[in-house]
Protein backbone atom coordinates (compact mmCIF):
# COMPACT_ATOMS: atom_id res chain seq x y z
CA MET A 1 -173.68 -51.21 -33.76
CA SER A 2 -176.20 -49.51 -31.58
CA THR A 3 -175.23 -51.09 -28.21
CA PRO A 4 -174.67 -49.00 -25.47
CA SER A 5 -170.85 -47.98 -24.80
CA THR A 6 -169.09 -49.39 -21.62
CA LYS A 7 -168.27 -46.02 -19.48
CA PRO A 8 -164.82 -46.43 -17.11
CA ALA A 9 -166.65 -45.55 -14.11
CA PRO A 10 -170.61 -45.73 -12.81
CA GLY A 11 -172.02 -42.78 -11.23
CA PRO A 12 -174.00 -43.26 -8.47
CA GLU A 13 -177.46 -43.51 -10.39
CA PHE A 14 -176.36 -46.35 -11.35
CA TRP A 15 -175.32 -48.02 -8.04
CA GLU A 16 -178.67 -46.45 -6.79
CA ARG A 17 -180.82 -48.50 -9.88
CA ALA A 18 -179.04 -51.72 -9.03
CA ASP A 19 -179.94 -51.50 -5.50
CA GLN A 20 -183.43 -50.67 -6.21
CA ILE A 21 -183.71 -53.86 -8.44
CA ILE A 22 -181.68 -55.66 -5.94
CA ALA A 23 -184.09 -54.78 -2.88
CA VAL A 24 -187.04 -55.61 -5.48
CA ALA A 25 -185.51 -59.67 -5.77
CA ASN A 26 -185.11 -59.53 -2.25
CA GLU A 27 -188.69 -58.82 -1.32
CA GLN A 28 -189.45 -61.85 -4.03
CA CYS A 29 -187.64 -63.93 -2.34
CA GLU A 30 -189.49 -64.08 0.79
CA HIS A 31 -192.00 -65.57 -1.40
CA SER A 32 -190.23 -67.43 -3.78
CA ARG A 33 -187.37 -69.22 -3.78
CA GLY A 34 -183.89 -67.34 -5.03
CA ASN A 35 -182.99 -69.67 -8.12
CA GLU A 36 -186.56 -68.37 -9.57
CA VAL A 37 -185.72 -65.14 -8.90
CA ALA A 38 -182.37 -65.10 -10.21
CA THR A 39 -184.42 -66.84 -13.64
CA SER A 40 -186.65 -63.78 -13.66
CA LEU A 41 -184.04 -60.83 -13.38
CA LEU A 42 -182.19 -63.01 -16.19
CA TYR A 43 -185.36 -62.99 -18.00
CA ALA A 44 -185.98 -59.54 -17.68
CA ALA A 45 -182.75 -58.06 -18.22
CA ALA A 46 -182.56 -60.04 -22.04
CA ARG A 47 -186.00 -58.56 -22.73
CA PHE A 48 -184.88 -55.00 -21.79
CA ASN A 49 -182.02 -55.46 -23.72
CA ALA A 50 -183.75 -56.61 -26.70
CA PHE A 51 -185.96 -53.57 -26.38
CA LEU A 52 -183.35 -51.17 -26.03
CA ILE A 53 -181.62 -52.23 -29.50
CA ALA A 54 -184.77 -52.39 -30.78
CA SER A 55 -185.49 -48.96 -29.81
CA LYS A 56 -182.64 -47.43 -30.81
CA THR A 57 -182.38 -49.54 -34.39
CA ASN A 58 -185.83 -48.60 -35.53
CA ASP A 59 -186.04 -50.95 -37.84
CA VAL A 60 -186.31 -54.84 -38.30
CA GLU A 61 -183.84 -55.54 -40.67
CA LYS A 62 -181.04 -53.43 -38.98
CA MET A 63 -181.74 -55.11 -35.24
CA ARG A 64 -181.12 -58.79 -37.29
CA GLN A 65 -178.46 -57.19 -38.61
CA GLU A 66 -177.09 -56.16 -35.29
CA LYS A 67 -178.34 -59.14 -33.54
CA ASP A 68 -175.36 -61.31 -32.90
CA ASP A 69 -172.74 -57.76 -32.08
CA ALA A 70 -175.54 -57.05 -29.40
CA VAL A 71 -175.59 -60.57 -28.05
CA ALA A 72 -172.09 -61.09 -27.93
CA PHE A 73 -171.97 -57.15 -25.87
CA PHE A 74 -174.19 -58.25 -23.35
CA THR A 75 -173.14 -61.33 -23.02
CA GLU A 76 -169.28 -60.62 -22.82
CA GLN A 77 -170.82 -57.54 -20.09
CA TYR A 78 -172.50 -59.86 -18.17
CA LYS A 79 -169.53 -62.25 -17.71
CA ARG A 80 -167.46 -59.23 -16.34
CA MET A 81 -169.67 -58.22 -13.93
CA LEU A 82 -170.36 -61.71 -12.83
CA THR A 83 -166.75 -62.43 -12.38
CA ASP A 84 -166.62 -59.03 -10.61
CA ASN A 85 -169.07 -59.98 -8.34
CA PHE A 86 -168.12 -63.55 -7.57
CA ASN A 87 -164.57 -61.81 -6.73
CA ASP A 88 -165.83 -59.65 -4.54
CA TYR A 89 -167.99 -62.31 -2.90
CA ILE A 90 -164.72 -64.35 -2.65
CA ALA A 91 -162.51 -61.44 -0.59
CA ASN A 92 -165.63 -60.38 1.27
CA PHE A 93 -166.93 -63.70 2.32
CA ASP A 94 -167.35 -63.93 6.06
CA LYS A 95 -169.16 -59.63 5.54
CA TYR A 96 -171.51 -60.49 2.51
CA THR A 97 -172.76 -64.49 4.25
CA GLN A 98 -175.14 -64.03 7.01
CA PRO A 99 -177.42 -67.27 7.29
CA SER A 100 -180.67 -65.27 8.12
CA SER A 101 -180.31 -62.75 4.72
CA ALA A 102 -179.47 -65.62 2.81
CA PRO A 103 -182.27 -65.91 0.06
CA LYS A 104 -184.26 -69.57 0.02
CA ASP A 105 -182.83 -72.02 -2.48
C-alpha cells in the first residue's frame, strides 16, 4: 500500500504544522461555530489524504485496489490520535479549558 508509514516520534516540524493548522481553525472559530470548523477540518484531511494516495499510486486502478487499506490506515491513525488527545485533555482539563478560549458551539 502507498500510505505513509507511522514514525515512532514526530519531529518539531510535525508539531509546528499541527499548531499552524490549529491556529487557522481557531481564527475561523471567531466567525463560525466550532462544530462547523471541525467538520471542515475533517473534510480537508480526508480530501488531502485521498489526494496523497492518488499522487503516490499514479494509476486509477491501483488507487481503487488500495482504497480499503488506505481508509483503514487513516481511520486507525485518526482513532489513535483522537484517543491520545482525549486522554491528554482529561489529564489536563483545568489547564486546557478556559471559557474565554473555547470555540463557539
